[in-house]
Each structure stands twice: as C-alpha cells, then as structure tokens.
C-alpha atoms as a PDB file:
ATOM      1  CA  MET A   1       0.000   0.000   0.000  1.00  0.00           C
ATOM      2  CA  GLY A   2       1.596   3.226  -1.070  1.00  0.00           C
ATOM      3  CA  VAL A   3       0.836   6.761  -2.000  1.00  0.00           C
ATOM      4  CA  ALA A   4       1.250   7.821  -5.596  1.00  0.00           C
ATOM      5  CA  VAL A   5       3.323  10.975  -5.823  1.00  0.00           C
ATOM      6  CA  GLU A   6       3.240  12.617  -9.189  1.00  0.00           C
ATOM      7  CA  SER A   7       4.534  16.180  -9.046  1.00  0.00           C
ATOM      8  CA  ASP A   8       7.739  17.764  -7.795  1.00  0.00           C
ATOM      9  CA  ARG A   9       5.680  19.656  -5.212  1.00  0.00           C
ATOM     10  CA  GLU A  10       4.134  16.434  -3.913  1.00  0.00           C
ATOM     11  CA  ILE A  11       7.610  14.889  -3.696  1.00  0.00           C
ATOM     12  CA  ALA A  12       8.873  17.902  -1.751  1.00  0.00           C
ATOM     13  CA  VAL A  13       5.905  17.751   0.641  1.00  0.00           C
ATOM     14  CA  ALA A  14       6.405  14.003   1.132  1.00  0.00           C
ATOM     15  CA  ARG A  15      10.139  14.464   1.818  1.00  0.00           C
ATOM     16  CA  SER A  16       9.385  17.238   4.286  1.00  0.00           C
ATOM     17  CA  ALA A  17       6.849  15.056   6.098  1.00  0.00           C
ATOM     18  CA  ILE A  18       9.346  12.196   6.304  1.00  0.00           C
ATOM     19  CA  VAL A  19      12.062  14.507   7.672  1.00  0.00           C
ATOM     20  CA  ASP A  20       9.636  15.967  10.229  1.00  0.00           C
ATOM     21  CA  TYR A  21       8.603  12.470  11.301  1.00  0.00           C
ATOM     22  CA  ALA A  22      12.241  11.343  11.594  1.00  0.00           C
ATOM     23  CA  ASP A  23      13.167  14.450  13.636  1.00  0.00           C
ATOM     24  CA  ASP A  24      10.195  13.900  15.951  1.00  0.00           C
ATOM     25  CA  LEU A  25      11.104  10.245  16.385  1.00  0.00           C
ATOM     26  CA  ALA A  26      14.732  11.156  17.158  1.00  0.00           C
ATOM     27  CA  ARG A  27      13.580  13.690  19.798  1.00  0.00           C
ATOM     28  CA  ARG A  28      11.289  11.124  21.413  1.00  0.00           C
ATOM     29  CA  MET A  29      14.064   8.526  21.494  1.00  0.00           C
ATOM     30  CA  ALA A  30      16.480  11.028  23.065  1.00  0.00           C
ATOM     31  CA  ASP A  31      13.854  11.929  25.687  1.00  0.00           C
ATOM     32  CA  LEU A  32      13.326   8.253  26.447  1.00  0.00           C
ATOM     33  CA  ARG A  33      17.080   7.673  26.829  1.00  0.00           C
ATOM     34  CA  ARG A  34      17.327  10.668  29.199  1.00  0.00           C
ATOM     35  CA  LYS A  35      14.408   9.372  31.255  1.00  0.00           C
ATOM     36  CA  GLU A  36      15.900   5.891  31.469  1.00  0.00           C
ATOM     37  CA  GLU A  37      19.239   7.340  32.589  1.00  0.00           C
ATOM     38  CA  SER A  38      17.473   9.502  35.172  1.00  0.00           C
ATOM     39  CA  ASP A  39      15.517   6.489  36.453  1.00  0.00           C
ATOM     40  CA  ARG A  40      18.749   4.502  36.819  1.00  0.00           C
ATOM     41  CA  ARG A  41      20.522   7.347  38.599  1.00  0.00           C
ATOM     42  CA  PHE A  42      17.782   8.775  40.805  1.00  0.00           C
ATOM     43  CA  GLY A  43      15.220   5.991  41.146  1.00  0.00           C
ATOM     44  CA  LYS A  44      11.515   6.549  41.568  1.00  0.00           C
ATOM     45  CA  PHE A  45       9.811   9.809  42.419  1.00  0.00           C
ATOM     46  CA  TYR A  46       6.667  10.342  44.465  1.00  0.00           C
ATOM     47  CA  THR A  47       3.903  12.887  44.062  1.00  0.00           C
ATOM     48  CA  THR A  48       2.840  15.194  46.873  1.00  0.00           C
ATOM     49  CA  ALA A  49      -0.213  12.983  47.470  1.00  0.00           C
ATOM     50  CA  LYS A  50       1.997   9.890  47.813  1.00  0.00           C
ATOM     51  CA  VAL A  51       4.295  11.703  50.266  1.00  0.00           C
ATOM     52  CA  MET A  52       1.256  12.775  52.286  1.00  0.00           C
ATOM     53  CA  ALA A  53       0.173   9.133  52.460  1.00  0.00           C
ATOM     54  CA  ILE A  54       3.666   7.895  53.384  1.00  0.00           C
ATOM     55  CA  LEU A  55       4.041  10.451  56.153  1.00  0.00           C
ATOM     56  CA  GLY A  56       0.474   9.952  57.344  1.00  0.00           C
ATOM     57  CA  THR A  57      -0.503  13.571  56.992  1.00  0.00           C
ATOM     58  CA  GLY A  58      -3.764  14.718  55.485  1.00  0.00           C
ATOM     59  CA  SER A  59      -2.421  18.136  54.689  1.00  0.00           C
ATOM     60  CA  ARG A  60      -0.500  19.451  51.717  1.00  0.00           C
ATOM     61  CA  GLN A  61       0.480  22.339  53.970  1.00  0.00           C
ATOM     62  CA  SER A  62       2.506  20.058  56.226  1.00  0.00           C
ATOM     63  CA  VAL A  63       4.508  18.838  53.205  1.00  0.00           C
ATOM     64  CA  THR A  64       4.924  22.447  52.032  1.00  0.00           C
ATOM     65  CA  ASN A  65       6.186  23.369  55.502  1.00  0.00           C
ATOM     66  CA  MET A  66       8.746  20.551  55.337  1.00  0.00           C
ATOM     67  CA  ILE A  67       9.924  21.872  51.967  1.00  0.00           C
ATOM     68  CA  ARG A  68      10.236  25.408  53.380  1.00  0.00           C
ATOM     69  CA  ARG A  69      12.166  24.119  56.415  1.00  0.00           C
ATOM     70  CA  ASN A  70      14.459  22.111  54.089  1.00  0.00           C
ATOM     71  CA  THR A  71      13.590  18.863  55.878  1.00  0.00           C
ATOM     72  CA  ILE A  72      12.418  17.005  52.782  1.00  0.00           C
ATOM     73  CA  LEU A  73      13.841  16.972  49.274  1.00  0.00           C
ATOM     74  CA  ARG A  74      11.528  18.163  46.539  1.00  0.00           C
ATOM     75  CA  VAL A  75      12.656  18.720  42.977  1.00  0.00           C
ATOM     76  CA  ARG A  76      10.662  20.314  40.177  1.00  0.00           C
ATOM     77  CA  THR A  77      10.253  18.579  36.857  1.00  0.00           C
ATOM     78  CA  ALA A  78      10.826  20.404  33.576  1.00  0.00           C
ATOM     79  CA  ASP A  79       7.070  20.869  33.282  1.00  0.00           C
ATOM     80  CA  GLY A  80       6.810  22.374  36.790  1.00  0.00           C
ATOM     81  CA  HIS A  81       5.513  19.403  38.787  1.00  0.00           C
ATOM     82  CA  ASN A  82       6.709  18.586  42.292  1.00  0.00           C
ATOM     83  CA  ALA A  83       8.630  15.326  42.562  1.00  0.00           C
ATOM     84  CA  PHE A  84       9.958  13.757  45.739  1.00  0.00           C
ATOM     85  CA  PRO A  85      12.811  11.265  45.322  1.00  0.00           C
ATOM     86  CA  ALA A  86      11.703   7.949  46.820  1.00  0.00           C
ATOM     87  CA  LEU A  87      15.275   7.226  47.923  1.00  0.00           C
ATOM     88  CA  GLN A  88      14.889   9.641  50.841  1.00  0.00           C
ATOM     89  CA  PHE A  89      12.342   7.349  52.495  1.00  0.00           C
ATOM     90  CA  ASP A  90      13.191   4.289  54.557  1.00  0.00           C
ATOM     91  CA  GLU A  91      11.437   1.356  52.870  1.00  0.00           C
ATOM     92  CA  LYS A  92      10.876  -0.407  56.226  1.00  0.00           C
ATOM     93  CA  THR A  93       9.423   2.483  58.223  1.00  0.00           C
ATOM     94  CA  GLY A  94       8.064   4.671  55.438  1.00  0.00           C
ATOM     95  CA  GLN A  95       9.591   7.682  57.131  1.00  0.00           C
ATOM     96  CA  LEU A  96      12.437   9.887  56.008  1.00  0.00           C
ATOM     97  CA  ILE A  97      15.807   8.209  56.422  1.00  0.00           C
ATOM     98  CA  GLU A  98      17.143   8.891  59.897  1.00  0.00           C
ATOM     99  CA  GLY A  99      19.751  11.662  59.804  1.00  0.00           C
ATOM    100  CA  LEU A 100      18.780  12.954  56.362  1.00  0.00           C
ATOM    101  CA  ARG A 101      16.856  16.000  57.619  1.00  0.00           C
ATOM    102  CA  GLU A 102      19.987  17.595  59.061  1.00  0.00           C
ATOM    103  CA  ILE A 103      21.905  16.941  55.854  1.00  0.00           C
ATOM    104  CA  LEU A 104      19.150  18.513  53.758  1.00  0.00           C
ATOM    105  CA  GLN A 105      19.072  21.538  56.056  1.00  0.00           C
ATOM    106  CA  VAL A 106      22.777  22.047  55.374  1.00  0.00           C
ATOM    107  CA  LEU A 107      22.780  21.361  51.634  1.00  0.00           C
ATOM    108  CA  LEU A 108      19.536  22.845  50.308  1.00  0.00           C
ATOM    109  CA  PRO A 109      20.206  26.501  51.242  1.00  0.00           C
ATOM    110  CA  ALA A 110      23.683  26.302  49.695  1.00  0.00           C
ATOM    111  CA  ALA A 111      22.833  24.385  46.507  1.00  0.00           C
ATOM    112  CA  ALA A 112      22.138  25.942  43.134  1.00  0.00           C
ATOM    113  CA  THR A 113      18.960  23.848  42.902  1.00  0.00           C
ATOM    114  CA  PRO A 114      17.442  20.872  44.733  1.00  0.00           C
ATOM    115  CA  TRP A 115      18.623  18.769  41.768  1.00  0.00           C
ATOM    116  CA  THR A 116      22.185  19.583  42.886  1.00  0.00           C
ATOM    117  CA  VAL A 117      21.410  18.054  46.271  1.00  0.00           C
ATOM    118  CA  LEU A 118      19.839  14.984  44.693  1.00  0.00           C
ATOM    119  CA  ASP A 119      22.913  14.538  42.512  1.00  0.00           C
ATOM    120  CA  TRP A 120      25.127  14.909  45.615  1.00  0.00           C
ATOM    121  CA  LEU A 121      23.132  12.219  47.409  1.00  0.00           C
ATOM    122  CA  VAL A 122      23.523   9.659  44.612  1.00  0.00           C
ATOM    123  CA  THR A 123      27.155  10.286  43.697  1.00  0.00           C
ATOM    124  CA  PRO A 124      29.568   7.662  45.077  1.00  0.00           C
ATOM    125  CA  MET A 125      32.053   9.234  47.496  1.00  0.00           C
ATOM    126  CA  ALA A 126      35.480   7.919  48.452  1.00  0.00           C
ATOM    127  CA  GLU A 127      35.048   9.395  51.952  1.00  0.00           C
ATOM    128  CA  VAL A 128      32.267   6.902  52.700  1.00  0.00           C
ATOM    129  CA  GLY A 129      33.881   3.875  51.127  1.00  0.00           C
ATOM    130  CA  GLY A 130      32.759   4.576  47.575  1.00  0.00           C
ATOM    131  CA  ARG A 131      29.110   4.448  48.562  1.00  0.00           C
ATOM    132  CA  ARG A 132      26.480   6.999  47.694  1.00  0.00           C
ATOM    133  CA  ALA A 133      25.835   9.502  50.479  1.00  0.00           C
ATOM    134  CA  ILE A 134      22.188   8.418  50.672  1.00  0.00           C
ATOM    135  CA  ASP A 135      23.310   4.828  51.320  1.00  0.00           C
ATOM    136  CA  ALA A 136      25.859   5.843  53.963  1.00  0.00           C
ATOM    137  CA  VAL A 137      23.522   8.028  56.042  1.00  0.00           C
ATOM    138  CA  GLY A 138      22.049   5.054  57.908  1.00  0.00           C
ATOM    139  CA  ASP A 139      25.309   3.920  59.471  1.00  0.00           C
ATOM    140  CA  ASP A 140      27.421   7.103  59.262  1.00  0.00           C
ATOM    141  CA  ALA A 141      25.048  10.066  59.526  1.00  0.00           C
ATOM    142  CA  SER A 142      27.622  12.245  61.304  1.00  0.00           C
ATOM    143  CA  GLY A 143      30.263  11.508  58.645  1.00  0.00           C
ATOM    144  CA  VAL A 144      27.868  12.300  55.803  1.00  0.00           C
ATOM    145  CA  LEU A 145      26.761  15.447  57.635  1.00  0.00           C
ATOM    146  CA  ALA A 146      30.412  16.548  57.907  1.00  0.00           C
ATOM    147  CA  LEU A 147      30.825  16.006  54.148  1.00  0.00           C
ATOM    148  CA  ALA A 148      27.622  17.971  53.538  1.00  0.00           C
ATOM    149  CA  ARG A 149      28.959  20.872  55.600  1.00  0.00           C
ATOM    150  CA  GLN A 150      32.231  20.877  53.654  1.00  0.00           C
ATOM    151  CA  ASP A 151      30.504  20.821  50.283  1.00  0.00           C
ATOM    152  CA  ALA A 152      27.884  23.393  51.279  1.00  0.00           C
ATOM    153  CA  ALA A 153      30.672  25.735  52.370  1.00  0.00           C
ATOM    154  CA  ALA A 154      32.436  25.216  49.046  1.00  0.00           C
ATOM    155  CA  TRP A 155      29.212  25.872  47.113  1.00  0.00           C
ATOM    156  CA  THR A 156      28.676  29.199  48.853  1.00  0.00           C
ATOM    157  CA  ALA A 157      32.322  30.335  48.754  1.00  0.00           C
END
C-alpha cells in the first residue's frame, strides 16, 4: 500500500513530512534515553499525594512546611511538577531516612537547585567507602553530615 506521488511539489511535501517524522522520532528517542538514565541514577519519584500518604498527613500544607524548612527533598520537573525522590524514604518504616533531615538543612540553602542536592546524594564518594551519600547516612550520619557541611561551604564560597 503506497501513495502515488506525481509532481515535484508532492515529492517535496512528502520528503518534508518524512524529515519531520524522523526528527520527531529522534527527539522522542532522546527523551526516552534521558528518562531511562534519570531512572537509573535517581530511582523513583513520588507525588505530593503519595508523600502525604507515606508520612500519614492529610495536609498538603505540612509537606509544604517541610519543603520550606528544608527537611524534605523536593525537585521540580521540567514541566513544573513537584517530585519527591523515593530514595529519601526508609522502605521499612516509610519515614524519612534517619539523619537525612539535618543533611538537607545544610545542603539545600547552599545548593544551586534541589537537583544539585539529589545529585550529591547519589554520587559515590570515596570518603564513605565509595558508597552513595544516601546509602551511607544510615550507618554514618555524622560523617555524611560533615561532608555535607564541607561541600555546602564550598558551594557558597
């Protein structure tokens, strides 16, 4: 099944449509690759409603207050939606990882964006045995907090 193209104009229109389709497909594939890389690096994200359920609060205001106090990590998506990295929650208790609040309170005011803090949390660090900071908080919260203070000071220098 094909389309009969008879004039030079029809050929030009058909070529243009094919190029547009190929460009759109290439953009979609690049977006998909970026999303897959982000998923591998940062893990899942929760909505505000999911965070409210996890924390057992019936109020968006309480989550907003946590954001304002820098005691929870919230990033904004490219389209302006709130996203809360799931990695900040303890899977067993459903609460924020013990010791993380203090680290967030140090890093968030100093960081260029909350994404900077998220990147910091998932980057392996030699100072904590090559682990990611988020993975080291549970057994070395004071060490990770000291690293956070050093890096926050460097960010604001």
